[in-house]
Amino acid sequence: METETPDQPDDTEAAPEVLAEAAVAAEPDAEDPDEAEGAEDAGPATAEEAVAAAIAVAPGRLAIGVDIGGSGIKAAAVNLDTGQLVSTRHRVPTPQPSAPAAVIDATAKIVRSIAKEIAAGPEVAVGIGYPGVVIDGATKTAANMDHGWLDFDADAAFERVLKRPVHLVNDADAAGVAEMRFGAGVGRMGTVFTVTLGTGFGSALFYNGQLIPNLELGHMEIRGRDAERRSSAAARVKRSLSWKAWAMDLDEHMLAIEKLFSPKLFIIGGGVSKRSENFIPRLTVRADVVPAKLLNSAGIVGAAMASDEREHQPG
């Protein structure tokens, strides 16, 4: 049996292109499974330099993307034409308990900070990735959130507070859309699964580039238990598993998905994707398995994209 000491996630992440990461209002949780592990800080010396450099090289249509996780709320402004972050990447811990009012208040603070940072007018929309099923702007499940989110009209509640257009989407769907548009899924046809490993196990299914929404395969049962309780990044940290032992649990989950859907490709994202060399080679699924290119920013980018699509859909 391996006695390897598990790596402890930190809250540093090399931001896409020229951006540096910023935390707002609180220190990050050192055990946050939604965050990148073992990353080194990169980017300009100050937040102001990061923003100026990003906007200079990547002007275009903007939206604000928010990724709500069980451990942290992350957000940034996004260039919708390139998928680049064009503000510093902000993060606050998810309030505990994670009741709607508390989460909305925490989200509003970082959205206002980002809007001020990029001088965004009230027409700049906000897209929010939520860790559960979202239908017509209402949150329908709350596996890793307070039960106050069940059947909650989240779009309307966020819009009342933020006073700008808001659109909620399943967080794994958001991350998947971003990877298919700007990341590892570009040009990949057939059946593709994107998997986001963090506090939970997020999954998104694409066929010839088209999303099948709200596919919550983290909650499929294996041996009578939610599979994500064994295969999420949080489960590895909580159970103090070696990479080898955790990869065996993740593999069992992915083999069950492969048996049902026969995908050509799995794209694995979330903070843990920065350490993909520790577990991807141990997986035995027939499909190709690759790490996400957008890493832990995919949820922010995809949420911003979803808000823009809703604002410009016909009718």
C-alpha atoms as a PDB file:
ATOM      1  CA  MET A   1       0.000   0.000   0.000  1.00  0.00           C
ATOM      2  CA  GLU A   2       1.293   3.465  -0.823  1.00  0.00           C
ATOM      3  CA  THR A   3       1.970   5.799   2.071  1.00  0.00           C
ATOM      4  CA  GLU A   4       2.423   8.873  -0.083  1.00  0.00           C
ATOM      5  CA  THR A   5       1.425  12.096   1.667  1.00  0.00           C
ATOM      6  CA  PRO A   6      -1.277  13.809  -0.379  1.00  0.00           C
ATOM      7  CA  ASP A   7      -0.456  17.194  -1.824  1.00  0.00           C
ATOM      8  CA  GLN A   8      -2.361  19.979  -0.157  1.00  0.00           C
ATOM      9  CA  PRO A   9      -4.121  22.304  -2.612  1.00  0.00           C
ATOM     10  CA  ASP A  10      -3.234  25.950  -2.464  1.00  0.00           C
ATOM     11  CA  ASP A  11      -5.004  28.944  -3.897  1.00  0.00           C
ATOM     12  CA  THR A  12      -2.482  30.003  -6.523  1.00  0.00           C
ATOM     13  CA  GLU A  13      -3.147  29.652 -10.199  1.00  0.00           C
ATOM     14  CA  ALA A  14      -1.279  30.962 -13.213  1.00  0.00           C
ATOM     15  CA  ALA A  15      -3.949  33.021 -14.957  1.00  0.00           C
ATOM     16  CA  PRO A  16      -4.508  32.795 -18.726  1.00  0.00           C
ATOM     17  CA  GLU A  17      -2.331  34.971 -20.907  1.00  0.00           C
ATOM     18  CA  VAL A  18      -1.179  38.103 -19.093  1.00  0.00           C
ATOM     19  CA  LEU A  19      -3.330  38.008 -15.966  1.00  0.00           C
ATOM     20  CA  ALA A  20      -2.424  37.701 -12.327  1.00  0.00           C
ATOM     21  CA  GLU A  21      -4.819  36.298  -9.741  1.00  0.00           C
ATOM     22  CA  ALA A  22      -6.292  38.387  -6.939  1.00  0.00           C
ATOM     23  CA  ALA A  23      -8.170  37.419  -3.794  1.00  0.00           C
ATOM     24  CA  VAL A  24     -10.834  39.733  -2.387  1.00  0.00           C
ATOM     25  CA  ALA A  25     -12.046  40.336   1.165  1.00  0.00           C
ATOM     26  CA  ALA A  26     -10.672  37.111   2.675  1.00  0.00           C
ATOM     27  CA  GLU A  27      -7.735  34.772   2.599  1.00  0.00           C
ATOM     28  CA  PRO A  28      -8.327  31.640   0.493  1.00  0.00           C
ATOM     29  CA  ASP A  29      -8.970  28.280   2.096  1.00  0.00           C
ATOM     30  CA  ALA A  30      -5.766  26.257   1.950  1.00  0.00           C
ATOM     31  CA  GLU A  31      -7.818  23.082   1.547  1.00  0.00           C
ATOM     32  CA  ASP A  32     -10.007  24.405  -1.277  1.00  0.00           C
ATOM     33  CA  PRO A  33     -10.371  21.499  -3.758  1.00  0.00           C
ATOM     34  CA  ASP A  34     -11.792  23.844  -6.403  1.00  0.00           C
ATOM     35  CA  GLU A  35      -8.462  25.647  -6.683  1.00  0.00           C
ATOM     36  CA  ALA A  36      -5.317  24.779  -8.597  1.00  0.00           C
ATOM     37  CA  GLU A  37      -2.681  22.705  -6.855  1.00  0.00           C
ATOM     38  CA  GLY A  38       1.014  23.406  -6.858  1.00  0.00           C
ATOM     39  CA  ALA A  39       0.805  26.387  -9.178  1.00  0.00           C
ATOM     40  CA  GLU A  40       3.273  29.221  -9.203  1.00  0.00           C
ATOM     41  CA  ASP A  41       2.235  32.846  -9.294  1.00  0.00           C
ATOM     42  CA  ALA A  42       2.665  34.485 -12.690  1.00  0.00           C
ATOM     43  CA  GLY A  43       1.810  37.711 -14.404  1.00  0.00           C
ATOM     44  CA  PRO A  44       2.321  41.430 -13.969  1.00  0.00           C
ATOM     45  CA  ALA A  45       3.427  42.852 -10.646  1.00  0.00           C
ATOM     46  CA  THR A  46       0.129  44.612  -9.889  1.00  0.00           C
ATOM     47  CA  ALA A  47      -3.565  44.136 -10.598  1.00  0.00           C
ATOM     48  CA  GLU A  48      -3.624  47.462 -12.417  1.00  0.00           C
ATOM     49  CA  GLU A  49      -0.848  46.343 -14.775  1.00  0.00           C
ATOM     50  CA  ALA A  50      -2.654  43.054 -15.403  1.00  0.00           C
ATOM     51  CA  VAL A  51      -5.897  44.756 -16.363  1.00  0.00           C
ATOM     52  CA  ALA A  52      -4.199  47.369 -18.542  1.00  0.00           C
ATOM     53  CA  ALA A  53      -2.174  44.744 -20.372  1.00  0.00           C
ATOM     54  CA  ALA A  54      -5.139  42.439 -20.911  1.00  0.00           C
ATOM     55  CA  ILE A  55      -7.440  45.130 -22.271  1.00  0.00           C
ATOM     56  CA  ALA A  56      -4.653  46.462 -24.495  1.00  0.00           C
ATOM     57  CA  VAL A  57      -4.124  43.094 -26.205  1.00  0.00           C
ATOM     58  CA  ALA A  58      -7.693  41.820 -26.144  1.00  0.00           C
ATOM     59  CA  PRO A  59     -10.360  44.478 -26.702  1.00  0.00           C
ATOM     60  CA  GLY A  60     -13.823  43.178 -27.537  1.00  0.00           C
ATOM     61  CA  ARG A  61     -17.216  42.264 -26.164  1.00  0.00           C
ATOM     62  CA  LEU A  62     -17.202  41.814 -22.401  1.00  0.00           C
ATOM     63  CA  ALA A  63     -19.246  40.010 -19.762  1.00  0.00           C
ATOM     64  CA  ILE A  64     -18.569  39.125 -16.147  1.00  0.00           C
ATOM     65  CA  GLY A  65     -18.346  35.432 -15.336  1.00  0.00           C
ATOM     66  CA  VAL A  66     -18.909  34.006 -11.851  1.00  0.00           C
ATOM     67  CA  ASP A  67     -18.185  30.419 -10.804  1.00  0.00           C
ATOM     68  CA  ILE A  68     -19.933  29.433  -7.556  1.00  0.00           C
ATOM     69  CA  GLY A  69     -18.438  26.355  -5.944  1.00  0.00           C
ATOM     70  CA  GLY A  70     -18.975  24.562  -2.691  1.00  0.00           C
ATOM     71  CA  SER A  71     -15.746  26.062  -1.342  1.00  0.00           C
ATOM     72  CA  GLY A  72     -15.199  29.318  -3.209  1.00  0.00           C
ATOM     73  CA  ILE A  73     -16.792  31.924  -5.455  1.00  0.00           C
ATOM     74  CA  LYS A  74     -14.519  33.001  -8.316  1.00  0.00           C
ATOM     75  CA  ALA A  75     -15.151  35.736 -10.874  1.00  0.00           C
ATOM     76  CA  ALA A  76     -13.551  37.877 -13.577  1.00  0.00           C
ATOM     77  CA  ALA A  77     -14.419  39.936 -16.634  1.00  0.00           C
ATOM     78  CA  VAL A  78     -14.141  37.937 -19.865  1.00  0.00           C
ATOM     79  CA  ASN A  79     -13.496  38.867 -23.481  1.00  0.00           C
ATOM     80  CA  LEU A  80     -16.259  36.906 -25.214  1.00  0.00           C
ATOM     81  CA  ASP A  81     -14.428  36.820 -28.545  1.00  0.00           C
ATOM     82  CA  THR A  82     -11.211  35.281 -27.246  1.00  0.00           C
ATOM     83  CA  GLY A  83     -12.091  33.642 -23.922  1.00  0.00           C
ATOM     84  CA  GLN A  84      -9.425  35.674 -22.133  1.00  0.00           C
ATOM     85  CA  LEU A  85      -9.874  37.075 -18.653  1.00  0.00           C
ATOM     86  CA  VAL A  86      -9.622  40.863 -18.859  1.00  0.00           C
ATOM     87  CA  SER A  87      -9.686  41.689 -15.172  1.00  0.00           C
ATOM     88  CA  THR A  88      -7.958  40.267 -12.166  1.00  0.00           C
ATOM     89  CA  ARG A  89      -9.449  36.973 -11.043  1.00  0.00           C
ATOM     90  CA  HIS A  90     -11.275  37.507  -7.773  1.00  0.00           C
ATOM     91  CA  ARG A  91     -12.134  34.902  -5.173  1.00  0.00           C
ATOM     92  CA  VAL A  92     -13.974  34.782  -1.859  1.00  0.00           C
ATOM     93  CA  PRO A  93     -14.898  31.731   0.213  1.00  0.00           C
ATOM     94  CA  THR A  94     -18.433  30.458  -0.278  1.00  0.00           C
ATOM     95  CA  PRO A  95     -20.412  31.515   2.829  1.00  0.00           C
ATOM     96  CA  GLN A  96     -21.222  28.754   5.274  1.00  0.00           C
ATOM     97  CA  PRO A  97     -24.081  28.065   5.448  1.00  0.00           C
ATOM     98  CA  SER A  98     -24.436  28.762   1.746  1.00  0.00           C
ATOM     99  CA  ALA A  99     -27.965  30.209   1.895  1.00  0.00           C
ATOM    100  CA  PRO A 100     -29.066  32.207  -1.177  1.00  0.00           C
ATOM    101  CA  ALA A 101     -28.988  35.607   0.533  1.00  0.00           C
ATOM    102  CA  ALA A 102     -25.434  35.111   1.808  1.00  0.00           C
ATOM    103  CA  VAL A 103     -24.122  33.822  -1.518  1.00  0.00           C
ATOM    104  CA  ILE A 104     -25.817  36.613  -3.463  1.00  0.00           C
ATOM    105  CA  ASP A 105     -24.307  39.216  -1.124  1.00  0.00           C
ATOM    106  CA  ALA A 106     -20.799  37.733  -1.465  1.00  0.00           C
ATOM    107  CA  THR A 107     -21.160  37.531  -5.237  1.00  0.00           C
ATOM    108  CA  ALA A 108     -22.416  41.113  -5.473  1.00  0.00           C
ATOM    109  CA  LYS A 109     -19.310  42.423  -3.713  1.00  0.00           C
ATOM    110  CA  ILE A 110     -16.873  40.878  -6.177  1.00  0.00           C
ATOM    111  CA  VAL A 111     -19.035  41.709  -9.216  1.00  0.00           C
ATOM    112  CA  ARG A 112     -19.118  45.363  -8.152  1.00  0.00           C
ATOM    113  CA  SER A 113     -15.365  45.317  -7.679  1.00  0.00           C
ATOM    114  CA  ILE A 114     -14.840  43.876 -11.174  1.00  0.00           C
ATOM    115  CA  ALA A 115     -17.328  46.302 -12.740  1.00  0.00           C
ATOM    116  CA  LYS A 116     -15.428  49.215 -11.188  1.00  0.00           C
ATOM    117  CA  GLU A 117     -12.111  47.754 -12.296  1.00  0.00           C
ATOM    118  CA  ILE A 118     -13.113  47.591 -15.979  1.00  0.00           C
ATOM    119  CA  ALA A 119     -15.504  50.584 -15.901  1.00  0.00           C
ATOM    120  CA  ALA A 120     -18.427  48.359 -16.913  1.00  0.00           C
ATOM    121  CA  GLY A 121     -21.775  50.012 -17.552  1.00  0.00           C
ATOM    122  CA  PRO A 122     -25.074  48.495 -16.361  1.00  0.00           C
ATOM    123  CA  GLU A 123     -25.555  46.804 -19.731  1.00  0.00           C
ATOM    124  CA  VAL A 124     -22.596  44.444 -19.132  1.00  0.00           C
ATOM    125  CA  ALA A 125     -24.208  41.114 -18.266  1.00  0.00           C
ATOM    126  CA  VAL A 126     -23.228  38.639 -15.562  1.00  0.00           C
ATOM    127  CA  GLY A 127     -23.195  34.896 -16.118  1.00  0.00           C
ATOM    128  CA  ILE A 128     -23.157  32.657 -13.043  1.00  0.00           C
ATOM    129  CA  GLY A 129     -22.216  29.000 -12.906  1.00  0.00           C
ATOM    130  CA  TYR A 130     -24.137  27.205 -10.145  1.00  0.00           C
ATOM    131  CA  PRO A 131     -23.235  23.713  -8.816  1.00  0.00           C
ATOM    132  CA  GLY A 132     -26.544  22.034  -9.616  1.00  0.00           C
ATOM    133  CA  VAL A 133     -29.388  21.789 -12.099  1.00  0.00           C
ATOM    134  CA  VAL A 134     -30.598  25.139 -13.476  1.00  0.00           C
ATOM    135  CA  ILE A 135     -33.790  25.373 -15.542  1.00  0.00           C
ATOM    136  CA  ASP A 136     -35.113  28.718 -16.840  1.00  0.00           C
ATOM    137  CA  GLY A 137     -33.068  30.621 -14.279  1.00  0.00           C
ATOM    138  CA  ALA A 138     -34.301  28.576 -11.299  1.00  0.00           C
ATOM    139  CA  THR A 139     -31.994  26.316  -9.280  1.00  0.00           C
ATOM    140  CA  LYS A 140     -33.507  22.853  -8.889  1.00  0.00           C
ATOM    141  CA  THR A 141     -30.936  20.891  -6.884  1.00  0.00           C
ATOM    142  CA  ALA A 142     -28.537  21.701  -4.038  1.00  0.00           C
ATOM    143  CA  ALA A 143     -26.287  18.712  -3.381  1.00  0.00           C
ATOM    144  CA  ASN A 144     -23.335  20.859  -2.264  1.00  0.00           C
ATOM    145  CA  MET A 145     -25.280  24.001  -1.344  1.00  0.00           C
ATOM    146  CA  ASP A 146     -27.846  25.075   1.240  1.00  0.00           C
ATOM    147  CA  HIS A 147     -31.298  23.615   0.602  1.00  0.00           C
ATOM    148  CA  GLY A 148     -32.687  27.132   0.291  1.00  0.00           C
ATOM    149  CA  TRP A 149     -31.579  26.938  -3.347  1.00  0.00           C
ATOM    150  CA  LEU A 150     -34.169  24.273  -4.161  1.00  0.00           C
ATOM    151  CA  ASP A 151     -36.697  25.714  -6.659  1.00  0.00           C
ATOM    152  CA  PHE A 152     -35.218  29.181  -6.123  1.00  0.00           C
ATOM    153  CA  ASP A 153     -35.715  31.871  -8.804  1.00  0.00           C
ATOM    154  CA  ALA A 154     -32.036  32.715  -8.858  1.00  0.00           C
ATOM    155  CA  ASP A 155     -31.919  34.825 -12.034  1.00  0.00           C
ATOM    156  CA  ALA A 156     -34.485  37.257 -10.647  1.00  0.00           C
ATOM    157  CA  ALA A 157     -32.889  37.393  -7.186  1.00  0.00           C
ATOM    158  CA  PHE A 158     -29.406  38.150  -8.545  1.00  0.00           C
ATOM    159  CA  GLU A 159     -30.759  40.757 -10.976  1.00  0.00           C
ATOM    160  CA  ARG A 160     -32.530  42.615  -8.169  1.00  0.00           C
ATOM    161  CA  VAL A 161     -29.250  42.958  -6.267  1.00  0.00           C
ATOM    162  CA  LEU A 162     -26.771  43.403  -9.134  1.00  0.00           C
ATOM    163  CA  LYS A 163     -29.029  45.686 -11.201  1.00  0.00           C
ATOM    164  CA  ARG A 164     -27.690  44.301 -14.475  1.00  0.00           C
ATOM    165  CA  PRO A 165     -28.658  41.334 -16.700  1.00  0.00           C
ATOM    166  CA  VAL A 166     -27.924  37.980 -15.018  1.00  0.00           C
ATOM    167  CA  HIS A 167     -28.136  34.426 -16.289  1.00  0.00           C
ATOM    168  CA  LEU A 168     -27.466  31.271 -14.254  1.00  0.00           C
ATOM    169  CA  VAL A 169     -26.276  28.016 -15.794  1.00  0.00           C
ATOM    170  CA  ASN A 170     -25.061  24.693 -14.437  1.00  0.00           C
ATOM    171  CA  ASP A 171     -21.391  25.179 -13.527  1.00  0.00           C
ATOM    172  CA  ALA A 172     -20.133  22.030 -15.263  1.00  0.00           C
ATOM    173  CA  ASP A 173     -22.045  22.988 -18.412  1.00  0.00           C
ATOM    174  CA  ALA A 174     -20.384  26.408 -18.296  1.00  0.00           C
ATOM    175  CA  ALA A 175     -16.907  24.929 -17.944  1.00  0.00           C
ATOM    176  CA  GLY A 176     -17.609  22.456 -20.727  1.00  0.00           C
ATOM    177  CA  VAL A 177     -18.842  25.102 -23.146  1.00  0.00           C
ATOM    178  CA  ALA A 178     -15.682  27.132 -22.552  1.00  0.00           C
ATOM    179  CA  GLU A 179     -13.421  24.132 -23.157  1.00  0.00           C
ATOM    180  CA  MET A 180     -15.274  23.200 -26.348  1.00  0.00           C
ATOM    181  CA  ARG A 181     -15.085  26.773 -27.658  1.00  0.00           C
ATOM    182  CA  PHE A 182     -11.608  27.850 -26.557  1.00  0.00           C
ATOM    183  CA  GLY A 183      -9.845  24.839 -25.034  1.00  0.00           C
ATOM    184  CA  ALA A 184      -9.143  21.142 -25.416  1.00  0.00           C
ATOM    185  CA  GLY A 185     -12.431  20.395 -27.161  1.00  0.00           C
ATOM    186  CA  VAL A 186     -11.982  22.730 -30.136  1.00  0.00           C
ATOM    187  CA  GLY A 187     -12.797  20.828 -33.335  1.00  0.00           C
ATOM    188  CA  ARG A 188     -13.619  17.556 -31.540  1.00  0.00           C
ATOM    189  CA  MET A 189     -16.696  15.851 -32.944  1.00  0.00           C
ATOM    190  CA  GLY A 190     -18.704  12.869 -31.766  1.00  0.00           C
ATOM    191  CA  THR A 191     -19.418  12.318 -28.062  1.00  0.00           C
ATOM    192  CA  VAL A 192     -17.220  14.313 -25.684  1.00  0.00           C
ATOM    193  CA  PHE A 193     -17.442  14.503 -21.895  1.00  0.00           C
ATOM    194  CA  THR A 194     -15.975  17.348 -19.894  1.00  0.00           C
ATOM    195  CA  VAL A 195     -15.426  16.542 -16.239  1.00  0.00           C
ATOM    196  CA  THR A 196     -14.824  19.218 -13.583  1.00  0.00           C
ATOM    197  CA  LEU A 197     -13.250  17.925 -10.374  1.00  0.00           C
ATOM    198  CA  GLY A 198     -13.555  20.112  -7.289  1.00  0.00           C
ATOM    199  CA  THR A 199     -15.849  20.032  -4.269  1.00  0.00           C
ATOM    200  CA  GLY A 200     -18.090  17.869  -6.444  1.00  0.00           C
ATOM    201  CA  PHE A 201     -17.829  15.984  -9.733  1.00  0.00           C
ATOM    202  CA  GLY A 202     -19.272  18.064 -12.560  1.00  0.00           C
ATOM    203  CA  SER A 203     -19.993  16.528 -15.953  1.00  0.00           C
ATOM    204  CA  ALA A 204     -21.070  17.961 -19.293  1.00  0.00           C
ATOM    205  CA  LEU A 205     -21.958  15.995 -22.432  1.00  0.00           C
ATOM    206  CA  PHE A 206     -21.437  17.246 -25.983  1.00  0.00           C
ATOM    207  CA  TYR A 207     -22.342  15.609 -29.267  1.00  0.00           C
ATOM    208  CA  ASN A 208     -20.787  17.197 -32.335  1.00  0.00           C
ATOM    209  CA  GLY A 209     -20.189  20.288 -30.238  1.00  0.00           C
ATOM    210  CA  GLN A 210     -23.771  20.613 -28.964  1.00  0.00           C
ATOM    211  CA  LEU A 211     -24.375  20.634 -25.216  1.00  0.00           C
ATOM    212  CA  ILE A 212     -26.866  18.297 -23.518  1.00  0.00           C
ATOM    213  CA  PRO A 213     -27.549  20.387 -20.367  1.00  0.00           C
ATOM    214  CA  ASN A 214     -27.796  19.480 -16.685  1.00  0.00           C
ATOM    215  CA  LEU A 215     -26.183  16.053 -16.841  1.00  0.00           C
ATOM    216  CA  GLU A 216     -25.437  15.406 -13.169  1.00  0.00           C
ATOM    217  CA  LEU A 217     -23.375  12.219 -13.436  1.00  0.00           C
ATOM    218  CA  GLY A 218     -21.490  13.013 -10.252  1.00  0.00           C
ATOM    219  CA  HIS A 219     -24.604  11.740  -8.516  1.00  0.00           C
ATOM    220  CA  MET A 220     -24.819   8.390 -10.258  1.00  0.00           C
ATOM    221  CA  GLU A 221     -24.552   5.655  -7.666  1.00  0.00           C
ATOM    222  CA  ILE A 222     -21.642   3.255  -7.452  1.00  0.00           C
ATOM    223  CA  ARG A 223     -21.940   0.637  -4.727  1.00  0.00           C
ATOM    224  CA  GLY A 224     -24.959   2.473  -3.347  1.00  0.00           C
ATOM    225  CA  ARG A 225     -23.255   5.865  -2.888  1.00  0.00           C
ATOM    226  CA  ASP A 226     -22.937   9.044  -4.910  1.00  0.00           C
ATOM    227  CA  ALA A 227     -19.871   8.483  -7.033  1.00  0.00           C
ATOM    228  CA  GLU A 228     -18.561  12.013  -6.386  1.00  0.00           C
ATOM    229  CA  ARG A 229     -18.085  11.151  -2.720  1.00  0.00           C
ATOM    230  CA  ARG A 230     -15.157   8.998  -3.879  1.00  0.00           C
ATOM    231  CA  SER A 231     -14.008  10.598  -7.142  1.00  0.00           C
ATOM    232  CA  SER A 232     -14.159  14.368  -6.574  1.00  0.00           C
ATOM    233  CA  ALA A 233     -10.995  16.314  -5.792  1.00  0.00           C
ATOM    234  CA  ALA A 234     -12.452  17.056  -2.356  1.00  0.00           C
ATOM    235  CA  ALA A 235     -12.792  13.327  -1.686  1.00  0.00           C
ATOM    236  CA  ARG A 236      -9.069  12.784  -2.299  1.00  0.00           C
ATOM    237  CA  VAL A 237      -8.141  15.476   0.226  1.00  0.00           C
ATOM    238  CA  LYS A 238     -10.791  14.498   2.778  1.00  0.00           C
ATOM    239  CA  ARG A 239      -9.823  10.823   2.678  1.00  0.00           C
ATOM    240  CA  SER A 240      -6.059  11.542   2.571  1.00  0.00           C
ATOM    241  CA  LEU A 241      -5.657   9.321  -0.481  1.00  0.00           C
ATOM    242  CA  SER A 242      -2.551   8.895  -2.578  1.00  0.00           C
ATOM    243  CA  TRP A 243      -2.874   9.850  -6.229  1.00  0.00           C
ATOM    244  CA  LYS A 244      -2.800   6.154  -7.135  1.00  0.00           C
ATOM    245  CA  ALA A 245      -5.621   5.212  -4.754  1.00  0.00           C
ATOM    246  CA  TRP A 246      -7.759   8.177  -5.786  1.00  0.00           C
ATOM    247  CA  ALA A 247      -7.181   7.468  -9.487  1.00  0.00           C
ATOM    248  CA  MET A 248      -8.636   3.983  -8.964  1.00  0.00           C
ATOM    249  CA  ASP A 249     -11.855   5.488  -7.574  1.00  0.00           C
ATOM    250  CA  LEU A 250     -12.004   8.090 -10.362  1.00  0.00           C
ATOM    251  CA  ASP A 251     -11.379   5.372 -12.941  1.00  0.00           C
ATOM    252  CA  GLU A 252     -14.298   3.289 -11.667  1.00  0.00           C
ATOM    253  CA  HIS A 253     -16.594   6.299 -12.038  1.00  0.00           C
ATOM    254  CA  MET A 254     -15.350   7.116 -15.533  1.00  0.00           C
ATOM    255  CA  LEU A 255     -15.610   3.471 -16.641  1.00  0.00           C
ATOM    256  CA  ALA A 256     -19.283   3.516 -15.595  1.00  0.00           C
ATOM    257  CA  ILE A 257     -19.846   6.656 -17.684  1.00  0.00           C
ATOM    258  CA  GLU A 258     -18.005   5.129 -20.624  1.00  0.00           C
ATOM    259  CA  LYS A 259     -20.151   1.999 -20.440  1.00  0.00           C
ATOM    260  CA  LEU A 260     -23.295   4.129 -20.779  1.00  0.00           C
ATOM    261  CA  PHE A 261     -22.196   6.719 -23.368  1.00  0.00           C
ATOM    262  CA  SER A 262     -19.068   5.441 -25.204  1.00  0.00           C
ATOM    263  CA  PRO A 263     -17.444   8.874 -25.562  1.00  0.00           C
ATOM    264  CA  LYS A 264     -14.451   9.506 -27.806  1.00  0.00           C
ATOM    265  CA  LEU A 265     -12.883  11.961 -25.387  1.00  0.00           C
ATOM    266  CA  PHE A 266     -12.845  12.950 -21.707  1.00  0.00           C
ATOM    267  CA  ILE A 267     -11.581  16.439 -20.852  1.00  0.00           C
ATOM    268  CA  ILE A 268     -10.724  16.766 -17.160  1.00  0.00           C
ATOM    269  CA  GLY A 269     -10.804  20.223 -15.607  1.00  0.00           C
ATOM    270  CA  GLY A 270     -10.889  21.931 -12.238  1.00  0.00           C
ATOM    271  CA  GLY A 271      -7.904  22.900 -10.139  1.00  0.00           C
ATOM    272  CA  VAL A 272      -6.718  19.295 -10.000  1.00  0.00           C
ATOM    273  CA  SER A 273      -6.110  19.324 -13.767  1.00  0.00           C
ATOM    274  CA  LYS A 274      -2.817  21.115 -13.084  1.00  0.00           C
ATOM    275  CA  ARG A 275      -1.611  17.824 -11.605  1.00  0.00           C
ATOM    276  CA  SER A 276      -2.988  15.631 -14.389  1.00  0.00           C
ATOM    277  CA  GLU A 277       0.285  13.717 -14.752  1.00  0.00           C
ATOM    278  CA  ASN A 278      -0.395  12.198 -11.320  1.00  0.00           C
ATOM    279  CA  PHE A 279      -3.648  10.496 -12.291  1.00  0.00           C
ATOM    280  CA  ILE A 280      -4.527  10.563 -16.017  1.00  0.00           C
ATOM    281  CA  PRO A 281      -1.884   7.931 -16.934  1.00  0.00           C
ATOM    282  CA  ARG A 282      -3.461   5.604 -14.344  1.00  0.00           C
ATOM    283  CA  LEU A 283      -6.946   5.684 -15.924  1.00  0.00           C
ATOM    284  CA  THR A 284      -8.038   2.650 -17.960  1.00  0.00           C
ATOM    285  CA  VAL A 285     -10.960   4.008 -20.003  1.00  0.00           C
ATOM    286  CA  ARG A 286     -10.748   3.354 -23.771  1.00  0.00           C
ATOM    287  CA  ALA A 287     -11.501   6.976 -24.661  1.00  0.00           C
ATOM    288  CA  ASP A 288      -8.783   9.586 -24.933  1.00  0.00           C
ATOM    289  CA  VAL A 289      -8.331  11.548 -21.684  1.00  0.00           C
ATOM    290  CA  VAL A 290      -6.737  15.010 -21.706  1.00  0.00           C
ATOM    291  CA  PRO A 291      -6.468  17.846 -19.155  1.00  0.00           C
ATOM    292  CA  ALA A 292      -8.523  20.985 -19.721  1.00  0.00           C
ATOM    293  CA  LYS A 293      -6.612  23.838 -21.328  1.00  0.00           C
ATOM    294  CA  LEU A 294      -8.490  26.580 -19.480  1.00  0.00           C
ATOM    295  CA  LEU A 295      -7.807  24.813 -16.179  1.00  0.00           C
ATOM    296  CA  ASN A 296      -9.722  26.434 -13.319  1.00  0.00           C
ATOM    297  CA  SER A 297     -10.874  29.464 -15.323  1.00  0.00           C
ATOM    298  CA  ALA A 298     -13.198  27.459 -17.588  1.00  0.00           C
ATOM    299  CA  GLY A 299     -16.227  27.949 -15.328  1.00  0.00           C
ATOM    300  CA  ILE A 300     -15.769  31.727 -15.288  1.00  0.00           C
ATOM    301  CA  VAL A 301     -15.356  31.919 -19.071  1.00  0.00           C
ATOM    302  CA  GLY A 302     -18.298  29.618 -19.804  1.00  0.00           C
ATOM    303  CA  ALA A 303     -20.621  31.454 -17.421  1.00  0.00           C
ATOM    304  CA  ALA A 304     -19.808  34.739 -19.132  1.00  0.00           C
ATOM    305  CA  MET A 305     -20.499  33.140 -22.519  1.00  0.00           C
ATOM    306  CA  ALA A 306     -23.868  31.845 -21.291  1.00  0.00           C
ATOM    307  CA  SER A 307     -24.942  35.305 -20.167  1.00  0.00           C
ATOM    308  CA  ASP A 308     -24.123  36.750 -23.573  1.00  0.00           C
ATOM    309  CA  GLU A 309     -25.983  34.010 -25.428  1.00  0.00           C
ATOM    310  CA  ARG A 310     -29.104  34.555 -23.307  1.00  0.00           C
ATOM    311  CA  GLU A 311     -28.997  38.312 -23.855  1.00  0.00           C
ATOM    312  CA  HIS A 312     -28.769  37.928 -27.640  1.00  0.00           C
ATOM    313  CA  GLN A 313     -31.029  34.936 -28.274  1.00  0.00           C
ATOM    314  CA  PRO A 314     -33.959  35.560 -30.642  1.00  0.00           C
ATOM    315  CA  GLY A 315     -37.185  36.744 -29.012  1.00  0.00           C
END
